[in-house]
Protein backbone atom coordinates (compact mmCIF):
# COMPACT_ATOMS: atom_id res chain seq x y z
CA MET A 1 0.08 0.06 -0.26
CA ASP A 2 1.77 3.55 -1.17
CA SER A 3 -0.10 5.41 1.06
CA ILE A 4 -2.19 5.49 4.39
CA PRO A 5 -5.88 5.23 3.59
CA SER A 6 -8.44 7.49 5.05
CA LYS A 7 -11.41 4.98 4.47
CA ILE A 8 -10.60 1.24 4.77
CA ILE A 9 -13.83 -1.54 4.88
CA ILE A 10 -13.42 -4.80 6.09
CA ARG A 11 -15.79 -7.83 4.94
CA THR A 12 -15.66 -10.28 8.00
CA PRO A 13 -16.00 -13.88 8.18
CA ASN A 14 -19.89 -15.52 7.94
CA TRP A 15 -19.02 -18.20 10.65
CA LEU A 16 -19.67 -16.29 14.09
CA GLY A 17 -16.26 -18.44 15.55
CA ASP A 18 -14.41 -16.79 12.54
CA LEU A 19 -15.93 -13.54 12.79
CA ILE A 20 -14.97 -13.38 16.92
CA LEU A 21 -11.36 -14.45 15.61
CA SER A 22 -11.09 -11.70 13.42
CA THR A 23 -11.53 -9.21 16.13
CA GLY A 24 -7.93 -9.37 16.63
CA PHE A 25 -7.01 -8.37 13.03
CA LEU A 26 -9.56 -5.53 13.36
CA ARG A 27 -7.65 -3.96 16.59
CA ALA A 28 -4.38 -4.58 14.18
CA VAL A 29 -5.86 -2.32 11.48
CA LEU A 30 -7.21 0.12 14.05
CA GLU A 31 -3.86 0.05 15.61
CA THR A 32 -1.73 0.45 12.36
CA PHE A 33 -4.17 3.56 10.62
CA PRO A 34 -5.13 5.36 14.14
CA ASP A 35 -6.43 8.01 11.77
CA SER A 36 -8.15 6.04 9.63
CA GLN A 37 -12.14 5.42 9.10
CA VAL A 38 -12.63 1.48 9.48
CA ASP A 39 -16.25 0.21 8.58
CA ILE A 40 -17.28 -3.30 9.16
CA ILE A 41 -18.86 -5.62 6.48
CA LEU A 42 -20.63 -8.16 8.79
CA LYS A 43 -23.55 -10.96 8.13
CA SER A 44 -27.13 -10.09 8.90
CA GLY A 45 -27.70 -11.15 12.52
CA PHE A 46 -24.24 -10.17 13.87
CA GLU A 47 -24.34 -6.41 13.64
CA LYS A 48 -25.50 -5.98 17.04
CA LEU A 49 -22.56 -7.49 18.55
CA PRO A 50 -19.49 -5.30 20.36
CA ILE A 51 -17.34 -5.51 17.47
CA PRO A 52 -13.95 -3.39 17.41
CA HIS A 53 -14.35 -0.70 14.70
CA ARG A 54 -13.64 3.33 14.00
CA GLY A 55 -16.84 4.24 11.60
CA GLU A 56 -19.93 2.12 10.46
CA ILE A 57 -20.93 -1.18 11.20
CA ILE A 58 -23.01 -2.51 7.42
CA PRO A 59 -25.02 -5.80 7.58
CA PHE A 60 -25.02 -7.99 4.45
CA ASP A 61 -27.67 -10.48 3.98
CA LYS A 62 -27.11 -12.60 0.84
CA ASN A 63 -30.97 -13.20 0.97
CA LYS A 64 -31.78 -9.98 0.09
CA VAL A 65 -28.95 -8.53 -2.05
CA SER A 66 -26.27 -10.24 -3.98
CA ALA A 67 -22.42 -9.94 -3.30
CA GLY A 68 -21.94 -8.03 -6.54
CA LYS A 69 -24.49 -5.46 -6.22
CA PHE A 70 -23.82 -5.27 -2.35
CA GLY A 71 -20.46 -4.24 -3.86
CA LYS A 72 -21.94 -1.56 -6.30
CA SER A 73 -23.32 -0.01 -3.89
CA LEU A 74 -20.19 0.54 -2.14
CA ARG A 75 -18.63 2.66 -5.23
CA ASN A 76 -19.37 6.22 -4.10
CA LYS A 77 -18.22 5.77 -0.32
CA ASN A 78 -14.85 6.75 -1.33
CA TYR A 79 -13.16 3.82 0.24
CA ASP A 80 -9.30 3.47 -0.21
CA CYS A 81 -8.83 0.18 0.85
CA PHE A 82 -11.01 -3.29 1.15
CA TYR A 83 -9.80 -6.16 3.39
CA VAL A 84 -11.31 -9.71 2.02
CA LEU A 85 -11.48 -12.08 4.95
CA PRO A 86 -13.54 -14.84 3.75
CA PRO A 87 -12.25 -17.35 1.28
CA SER A 88 -15.06 -17.45 -0.75
CA PHE A 89 -15.55 -16.49 -4.40
CA SER A 90 -18.50 -14.06 -3.45
CA SER A 91 -16.84 -12.05 -1.23
CA ALA A 92 -14.01 -11.19 -3.43
CA TRP A 93 -17.02 -10.99 -6.00
CA MET A 94 -18.17 -8.28 -3.64
CA ALA A 95 -14.74 -6.23 -3.57
CA PHE A 96 -14.34 -6.29 -6.92
CA GLN A 97 -17.49 -4.92 -8.02
CA SER A 98 -16.84 -2.28 -5.20
CA LYS A 99 -14.15 -1.07 -7.73
CA ILE A 100 -12.42 0.28 -4.09
CA PRO A 101 -8.54 1.17 -5.41
CA GLU A 102 -6.80 -1.64 -2.93
CA ARG A 103 -8.71 -4.77 -2.70
CA ILE A 104 -6.58 -7.53 -0.47
CA GLY A 105 -7.43 -11.02 0.16
CA TYR A 106 -5.83 -14.98 -0.41
CA ALA A 107 -5.95 -16.35 -3.46
CA GLY A 108 -7.58 -19.37 -4.21
CA ASP A 109 -11.43 -20.15 -5.63
CA TYR A 110 -10.46 -18.03 -9.00
CA ARG A 111 -10.16 -14.73 -6.96
CA SER A 112 -6.88 -13.55 -7.96
CA PHE A 113 -8.01 -11.40 -11.06
CA MET A 114 -10.58 -9.54 -8.44
CA LEU A 115 -7.78 -8.65 -5.68
CA THR A 116 -5.44 -6.07 -6.36
CA SER A 117 -3.46 -7.80 -3.87
CA ALA A 118 -4.13 -11.62 -3.87
CA LYS A 119 -1.93 -13.12 -1.22
CA LYS A 120 -0.87 -16.85 -1.37
CA PHE A 121 -0.10 -18.94 1.65
CA LYS A 122 3.55 -19.28 2.59
CA ILE A 123 2.58 -22.32 4.28
CA ARG A 124 0.16 -25.18 4.35
CA PRO A 125 -3.12 -23.85 4.86
CA ARG A 126 -4.65 -24.62 8.30
CA SER A 127 -1.31 -24.97 9.85
CA GLN A 128 -1.20 -22.18 11.33
CA HIS A 129 -3.81 -20.52 13.78
CA LEU A 130 -6.59 -18.72 11.48
CA LEU A 131 -5.92 -15.40 13.26
CA LYS A 132 -2.22 -15.30 11.97
CA GLU A 133 -3.64 -16.25 8.55
CA PHE A 134 -6.14 -12.97 8.81
CA LEU A 135 -2.75 -10.78 10.52
CA ASN A 136 -0.72 -11.75 7.25
CA LEU A 137 -2.97 -10.11 5.21
CA LEU A 138 -1.93 -6.82 7.04
CA SER A 139 2.06 -7.80 7.74
CA ILE A 140 3.67 -10.88 8.19
CA ASP A 141 5.54 -9.28 11.36
CA LEU A 142 1.84 -9.26 13.44
CA GLU A 143 2.08 -11.88 16.26
CA VAL A 144 -1.11 -13.08 17.78
CA GLU A 145 0.11 -13.15 21.22
CA ASN A 146 -0.28 -9.32 20.48
CA TYR A 147 -3.83 -8.88 19.10
CA ALA A 148 -6.15 -11.61 20.72
CA PRO A 149 -9.95 -11.33 19.87
CA ARG A 150 -11.67 -9.25 21.78
CA LEU A 151 -15.14 -7.65 21.74
CA GLU A 152 -15.96 -3.98 23.46
CA VAL A 153 -18.17 -4.94 26.35
CA LYS A 154 -19.37 -2.16 28.46
CA ASN A 155 -21.35 -2.94 31.81
CA ASP A 156 -24.06 -0.69 31.39
CA TRP A 157 -24.41 -3.00 28.02
CA VAL A 158 -24.39 -6.67 29.82
CA LYS A 159 -26.93 -5.15 32.22
CA ASP A 160 -29.54 -3.96 29.82
CA GLN A 161 -28.80 -7.27 27.86
CA LEU A 162 -29.47 -9.48 31.13
CA ASN A 163 -32.73 -7.11 31.87
CA SER A 164 -33.83 -7.92 28.54
CA CYS A 165 -33.93 -12.00 29.22
CA THR A 166 -36.97 -13.59 29.99
CA PHE A 167 -35.46 -15.34 33.03
CA LYS A 168 -33.27 -14.56 36.03
CA ILE A 169 -29.72 -15.84 35.84
CA PRO A 170 -28.37 -17.47 39.31
CA GLU A 171 -25.73 -15.85 41.44
CA LYS A 172 -23.23 -18.79 40.97
CA PHE A 173 -23.60 -20.92 37.67
CA VAL A 174 -21.69 -22.46 34.62
CA VAL A 175 -22.39 -22.95 31.17
CA PHE A 176 -22.65 -25.75 28.73
CA THR A 177 -23.38 -25.52 25.46
CA PRO A 178 -23.62 -28.49 23.66
CA GLY A 179 -24.26 -27.38 20.25
CA ALA A 180 -22.27 -27.02 17.22
CA ILE A 181 -24.12 -25.43 14.24
CA TYR A 182 -21.15 -27.33 11.87
CA GLY A 183 -22.30 -30.83 12.81
CA PRO A 184 -21.96 -34.23 14.78
CA SER A 185 -18.31 -34.40 14.38
CA LYS A 186 -17.87 -31.11 16.69
CA GLN A 187 -20.58 -32.13 19.51
CA TRP A 188 -19.33 -34.03 22.32
CA PRO A 189 -22.08 -36.69 23.26
CA VAL A 190 -25.22 -35.38 25.18
CA GLU A 191 -24.71 -38.31 27.78
CA HIS A 192 -21.29 -37.30 28.47
CA PHE A 193 -22.42 -33.61 29.15
CA ARG A 194 -25.32 -35.14 31.33
CA GLU A 195 -23.09 -37.31 33.68
CA LEU A 196 -20.42 -34.01 34.11
CA GLY A 197 -23.36 -32.08 35.20
CA LYS A 198 -24.04 -34.62 37.77
CA GLU A 199 -20.41 -34.56 39.02
CA LEU A 200 -20.28 -30.98 38.95
CA HIS A 201 -23.70 -30.22 40.79
CA LYS A 202 -22.30 -32.57 43.36
CA ALA A 203 -19.34 -31.53 44.03
CA PHE A 204 -19.69 -27.27 43.89
CA GLY A 205 -23.75 -26.85 44.12
CA HIS A 206 -23.55 -24.37 41.08
CA LYS A 207 -26.26 -24.26 38.68
CA ILE A 208 -26.06 -25.20 35.07
CA LEU A 209 -27.25 -23.14 32.31
CA LEU A 210 -27.59 -25.00 28.88
CA LEU A 211 -27.23 -22.18 26.01
CA GLY A 212 -27.63 -22.64 22.06
CA THR A 213 -29.86 -22.27 19.26
CA PHE A 214 -33.22 -23.76 18.35
CA ASP A 215 -31.40 -26.48 17.12
CA ASP A 216 -29.89 -27.45 20.03
CA VAL A 217 -33.18 -27.74 22.63
CA GLU A 218 -33.59 -31.48 22.09
CA SER A 219 -30.18 -32.37 23.07
CA GLY A 220 -30.65 -29.56 25.80
CA SER A 221 -33.81 -31.19 27.41
CA LYS A 222 -31.67 -34.56 27.54
CA ILE A 223 -29.25 -33.11 29.37
CA ALA A 224 -31.45 -31.34 32.04
CA TYR A 225 -33.99 -34.24 32.09
CA ASN A 226 -35.03 -34.63 35.79
CA HIS A 227 -32.37 -32.22 37.10
CA ASP A 228 -34.05 -29.19 38.84
CA TRP A 229 -30.48 -27.21 38.94
CA ILE A 230 -29.85 -27.62 34.86
CA TYR A 231 -31.77 -24.99 33.31
CA ASN A 232 -32.42 -25.74 29.40
CA TYR A 233 -32.39 -22.06 27.71
CA CYS A 234 -31.08 -23.16 24.34
CA GLY A 235 -33.21 -20.96 21.99
CA LYS A 236 -34.22 -18.53 24.79
CA THR A 237 -31.93 -15.98 24.12
CA THR A 238 -30.46 -13.49 21.68
CA LEU A 239 -26.60 -13.69 20.60
CA THR A 240 -25.92 -10.52 22.41
CA GLN A 241 -27.87 -11.81 25.38
CA LEU A 242 -25.71 -15.14 25.52
CA LEU A 243 -22.72 -12.79 25.41
CA ALA A 244 -23.72 -11.02 28.38
CA ILE A 245 -24.75 -14.11 30.15
CA LEU A 246 -21.37 -15.63 29.73
CA THR A 247 -19.81 -12.42 31.01
CA LYS A 248 -20.95 -13.88 34.68
CA ALA A 249 -20.25 -17.63 34.32
CA LYS A 250 -17.72 -19.39 36.56
CA LEU A 251 -17.13 -21.64 33.75
CA LEU A 252 -17.83 -22.33 30.05
CA VAL A 253 -17.73 -26.24 29.03
CA GLY A 254 -18.62 -26.51 24.96
CA ASN A 255 -17.99 -27.44 21.72
CA ASP A 256 -15.42 -25.86 19.43
CA SER A 257 -18.10 -23.25 18.51
CA GLY A 258 -18.72 -19.52 18.15
CA THR A 259 -19.47 -19.68 21.64
CA MET A 260 -16.59 -21.35 22.62
CA HIS A 261 -14.44 -18.00 20.73
CA ILE A 262 -17.01 -15.55 22.42
CA MET A 263 -15.62 -16.66 25.68
CA ALA A 264 -12.14 -16.89 24.90
CA ALA A 265 -12.57 -13.38 23.48
CA LEU A 266 -13.78 -12.29 27.23
CA GLN A 267 -10.92 -14.25 28.56
CA ARG A 268 -12.73 -16.01 30.85
CA PRO A 269 -12.69 -19.61 32.21
CA GLN A 270 -13.37 -22.26 29.73
CA ILE A 271 -12.96 -26.03 28.77
CA ALA A 272 -12.90 -26.44 25.15
CA VAL A 273 -14.15 -30.00 23.33
CA PHE A 274 -12.33 -30.62 20.15
CA GLY A 275 -13.48 -33.44 17.80
CA SER A 276 -12.81 -33.39 14.00
CA THR A 277 -11.27 -29.65 13.89
CA SER A 278 -7.98 -28.36 14.48
CA ILE A 279 -6.59 -27.06 17.81
CA THR A 280 -3.87 -25.54 15.46
CA TRP A 281 -6.08 -23.58 13.47
CA THR A 282 -9.01 -22.68 15.43
CA GLY A 283 -8.22 -22.95 19.20
CA PRO A 284 -9.25 -20.50 21.70
CA ILE A 285 -6.81 -17.48 21.97
CA ASN A 286 -7.24 -17.51 25.89
CA SER A 287 -4.82 -17.75 28.68
CA ASN A 288 -8.11 -19.27 30.52
CA ALA A 289 -8.94 -21.71 28.34
CA THR A 290 -8.48 -25.76 28.71
CA VAL A 291 -8.46 -27.55 25.13
CA MET A 292 -9.60 -31.10 25.65
CA SER A 293 -8.76 -33.35 22.50
CA ARG A 294 -7.83 -37.50 21.74
CA ASP A 295 -5.80 -36.13 18.83
CA LEU A 296 -6.59 -39.61 17.05
CA SER A 297 -4.64 -40.36 13.95
CA CYS A 298 -7.70 -39.56 11.95
CA SER A 299 -8.10 -36.35 13.26
CA PRO A 300 -8.29 -33.34 12.29
CA CYS A 301 -10.41 -34.70 9.39
CA TYR A 302 -12.78 -31.39 9.49
CA SER A 303 -15.78 -33.64 8.40
CA ARG A 304 -18.86 -32.80 9.77
CA THR A 305 -19.57 -36.44 10.06
CA CYS A 306 -17.34 -39.18 11.06
CA ARG A 307 -16.67 -41.48 8.18
CA PHE A 308 -15.93 -44.08 10.28
CA GLY A 309 -19.22 -44.06 12.49
CA HIS A 310 -17.59 -44.15 15.77
CA TYR A 311 -16.89 -40.55 16.60
CA ASP A 312 -13.96 -41.92 18.86
CA CYS A 313 -12.73 -38.25 19.14
CA LEU A 314 -15.56 -37.27 21.17
CA THR A 315 -16.86 -40.15 22.94
CA GLN A 316 -13.12 -41.20 24.35
CA ILE A 317 -13.08 -37.84 25.68
CA TYR A 318 -14.87 -39.07 29.17
CA PRO A 319 -16.45 -36.76 31.61
CA GLU A 320 -14.04 -37.68 34.36
CA ASN A 321 -11.71 -36.04 32.21
CA ILE A 322 -13.21 -32.88 31.78
CA PHE A 323 -14.56 -32.92 35.32
CA ALA A 324 -10.94 -33.11 36.62
CA GLU A 325 -10.05 -29.74 34.87
CA VAL A 326 -13.50 -28.06 36.07
CA LYS A 327 -12.36 -28.78 39.38
CA ASN A 328 -9.03 -27.12 38.59
CA LYS A 329 -10.61 -24.16 37.38
CA LEU A 330 -13.54 -23.69 39.70
CA SER A 331 -11.58 -24.29 42.76
CA LYS A 332 -9.28 -20.90 41.56
CA SER A 333 -12.54 -18.90 41.44
CA TYR A 334 -13.13 -19.51 45.38
């Protein structure tokens, strides 16, 4: 880049977890260009999250407008630079149609002709952290440790979100998140969550809140069945309410998911269960995180379902393994 851009726009990832990771990149951009306006394009539904920026939050809904048409709408906005974080063809097409002078992203998927700076991976993809991949678009000298993901959460904002919930949270509680939109190969067994819940409550007396989407209601019901100290709130919160609840939780136990990365961005205690995906590539960047993984020869496979049908990478992480870490973390919080 020959000159300092006065207006920057960044197309952020569609997956919630990747979006949260990208906040480290956003922080780096804000620091590198302290006098520049930095606008953010977010997938519609994420625009109320407290994402770092210095300008506008612009929601994008592919069901209402095409990527190309959306890009054209940016032509008269006088942007100097467009960072494209998603690896999709459509996100590069959006940038190309904007005609913004500098369009920076990774090559691949026939994207190179649409970008003025189509970066190539210096090492094998997925062999370094995804945040490092994002940071390399700005400078290869930037390190993940200096730009950990963060959310701009304020006390008054948290209070407002909690007050808007249809239920009151207990004073001391742990959160379980049994879901993962990606698929079964990222979901720790429901029966394991249930057994862990019994041991946790017996040892500490904490209430357990189950959080997730409408798709997780059934799993939540199985975990909470006949346990009046487990509350199934799956599908009963907005994304911002979920975030506010996590700021008060003593601990999060959950799968590799967007919620996992939210807790990491809050730098709060968590135990993350990894199955088919890579800790190296998308592990939580949080000194208060413990990651549980079997590290089998067949993983990471990145498949949504187990091609062998056994899901050993998840089933062989036993409740007692997790409970040992739970005891360690909850004891420290006393």
